[in-house]
Amino acid sequence: MADLDPRLAADTEAIAQWPLSRVLLMKDAAYPWLILVPDRPNLVELFDLEPTDRARLTEEIARAAQTLKRLTGADKINVGALGNVVAQLHIHVVARFRGDPAWPGPVWGKAPPVAYPPEVLAKRLAQWREALA
């Protein structure tokens, strides 16, 4: 397994290990937010992946997005791979709702993260682990 960037490790909770990616929950209760981290060393850009892994990542993104949509009823699913702060290749899959704190703009930098109350975090992790296992 590739090492996880310390910032990703601090900002997320582990949910599942898929064939290519670690699936993480972003610790921001304002948005249902998954992060997929391909488990290969030294990846920064999508094109750093071998073609078969790129195809697998696309399927894993679709699986995460469909599950997020099904479980949350989101108005829109945002998918992005920015990497300006954390260089390690990681994909954000964020459920968005009309009226959420950042709608219709991007979630980054709009408001400080909202911590999950411990009991809500435990419930959410169990829900996501069951759905994404």
Protein backbone atom coordinates (compact mmCIF):
# COMPACT_ATOMS: atom_id res chain seq x y z
CA MET A 1 0.00 0.00 0.00
CA ALA A 2 1.19 3.49 -0.80
CA ASP A 3 1.65 5.86 2.11
CA LEU A 4 -1.27 8.23 2.65
CA ASP A 5 -0.44 11.94 2.64
CA PRO A 6 -0.54 13.18 6.27
CA ARG A 7 -3.14 15.84 5.48
CA LEU A 8 -5.46 13.28 3.88
CA ALA A 9 -4.93 11.02 6.88
CA ALA A 10 -5.83 13.84 9.29
CA ASP A 11 -8.91 15.03 7.34
CA THR A 12 -10.52 11.64 6.63
CA GLU A 13 -11.69 8.33 8.05
CA ALA A 14 -11.13 5.02 6.24
CA ILE A 15 -14.22 3.35 4.81
CA ALA A 16 -13.10 0.63 2.40
CA GLN A 17 -10.27 -0.76 0.32
CA TRP A 18 -11.29 -1.37 -3.29
CA PRO A 19 -9.17 -3.12 -5.93
CA LEU A 20 -7.37 0.13 -6.78
CA SER A 21 -8.39 2.80 -4.29
CA ARG A 22 -8.74 3.49 -0.63
CA VAL A 23 -12.16 4.98 -0.01
CA LEU A 24 -12.16 7.68 2.66
CA LEU A 25 -14.84 9.84 4.29
CA MET A 26 -13.97 13.53 4.53
CA LYS A 27 -14.53 14.72 8.11
CA ASP A 28 -16.80 17.62 7.14
CA ALA A 29 -20.41 17.11 8.18
CA ALA A 30 -21.56 19.97 5.92
CA TYR A 31 -21.23 17.71 2.85
CA PRO A 32 -21.36 13.95 2.28
CA TRP A 33 -17.87 13.68 0.80
CA LEU A 34 -15.81 10.69 -0.27
CA ILE A 35 -12.19 10.66 -1.36
CA LEU A 36 -10.66 7.92 -3.47
CA VAL A 37 -6.90 7.48 -3.28
CA PRO A 38 -5.38 5.10 -5.83
CA ASP A 39 -3.13 2.74 -3.90
CA ARG A 40 -0.02 3.08 -6.03
CA PRO A 41 3.18 4.92 -5.05
CA ASN A 42 4.27 8.28 -6.43
CA LEU A 43 1.06 9.28 -8.21
CA VAL A 44 0.35 12.96 -8.74
CA GLU A 45 -1.62 13.17 -11.99
CA LEU A 46 -4.26 10.94 -13.59
CA PHE A 47 -1.86 10.24 -16.44
CA ASP A 48 0.63 8.79 -13.93
CA LEU A 49 -1.63 5.75 -13.71
CA GLU A 50 -1.18 2.84 -16.09
CA PRO A 51 -4.05 2.71 -18.63
CA THR A 52 -5.72 -0.29 -16.95
CA ASP A 53 -5.58 1.44 -13.56
CA ARG A 54 -6.99 4.64 -15.11
CA ALA A 55 -9.93 2.65 -16.43
CA ARG A 56 -10.41 0.96 -13.05
CA LEU A 57 -10.30 4.35 -11.30
CA THR A 58 -13.03 5.65 -13.59
CA GLU A 59 -15.22 2.69 -12.62
CA GLU A 60 -14.48 3.20 -8.93
CA ILE A 61 -15.38 6.90 -9.20
CA ALA A 62 -18.66 5.95 -10.86
CA ARG A 63 -19.39 3.40 -8.12
CA ALA A 64 -18.68 5.94 -5.36
CA ALA A 65 -20.77 8.62 -7.09
CA GLN A 66 -23.74 6.31 -7.69
CA THR A 67 -23.69 5.11 -4.08
CA LEU A 68 -23.40 8.68 -2.78
CA LYS A 69 -26.35 9.75 -4.94
CA ARG A 70 -28.45 6.76 -3.87
CA LEU A 71 -27.77 7.16 -0.15
CA THR A 72 -28.07 10.95 0.05
CA GLY A 73 -30.55 11.93 -2.68
CA ALA A 74 -28.11 14.68 -3.69
CA ASP A 75 -29.10 17.20 -6.35
CA LYS A 76 -25.65 16.90 -7.95
CA ILE A 77 -22.48 14.85 -7.48
CA ASN A 78 -19.25 16.81 -7.93
CA VAL A 79 -16.07 14.95 -8.88
CA GLY A 80 -12.66 16.58 -8.87
CA ALA A 81 -8.94 15.91 -8.71
CA LEU A 82 -7.28 19.18 -7.76
CA GLY A 83 -4.08 18.39 -5.92
CA ASN A 84 -3.01 21.99 -5.35
CA VAL A 85 -2.64 21.49 -1.58
CA VAL A 86 -2.13 17.70 -1.40
CA ALA A 87 -0.07 16.49 -4.35
CA GLN A 88 -0.87 12.78 -3.88
CA LEU A 89 -3.44 11.78 -6.50
CA HIS A 90 -6.85 11.69 -4.88
CA ILE A 91 -10.36 12.14 -6.23
CA HIS A 92 -13.07 14.08 -4.41
CA VAL A 93 -16.63 12.80 -4.81
CA VAL A 94 -18.98 15.26 -3.12
CA ALA A 95 -22.76 15.17 -2.75
CA ARG A 96 -24.21 18.64 -3.32
CA PHE A 97 -27.62 20.02 -2.45
CA ARG A 98 -29.33 23.22 -3.47
CA GLY A 99 -29.06 25.32 -0.34
CA ASP A 100 -25.90 23.70 1.06
CA PRO A 101 -23.41 26.22 2.51
CA ALA A 102 -21.44 26.57 -0.74
CA TRP A 103 -24.18 26.07 -3.38
CA PRO A 104 -23.76 26.63 -6.27
CA GLY A 105 -20.02 27.31 -5.93
CA PRO A 106 -17.22 24.90 -5.03
CA VAL A 107 -16.97 23.53 -1.51
CA TRP A 108 -13.31 24.48 -1.02
CA GLY A 109 -12.66 27.55 1.09
CA LYS A 110 -16.32 28.52 1.49
CA ALA A 111 -16.58 27.75 5.19
CA PRO A 112 -14.47 25.95 7.80
CA PRO A 113 -15.17 22.19 8.04
CA VAL A 114 -17.99 21.19 10.36
CA ALA A 115 -16.93 18.38 12.70
CA TYR A 116 -19.17 15.35 12.94
CA PRO A 117 -20.47 14.73 16.47
CA PRO A 118 -18.83 11.42 17.52
CA GLU A 119 -22.09 9.43 17.50
CA VAL A 120 -23.04 10.77 14.06
CA LEU A 121 -19.56 9.99 12.70
CA ALA A 122 -19.78 6.41 14.00
CA LYS A 123 -23.22 5.96 12.42
CA ARG A 124 -22.11 7.50 9.12
CA LEU A 125 -18.98 5.32 8.96
CA ALA A 126 -21.01 2.16 9.59
CA GLN A 127 -23.51 3.19 6.89
CA TRP A 128 -20.79 3.92 4.34
CA ARG A 129 -18.77 0.82 5.18
CA GLU A 130 -21.82 -1.36 4.60
CA ALA A 131 -22.76 0.40 1.35
CA LEU A 132 -19.23 0.51 -0.09
CA ALA A 133 -17.76 -2.79 1.12
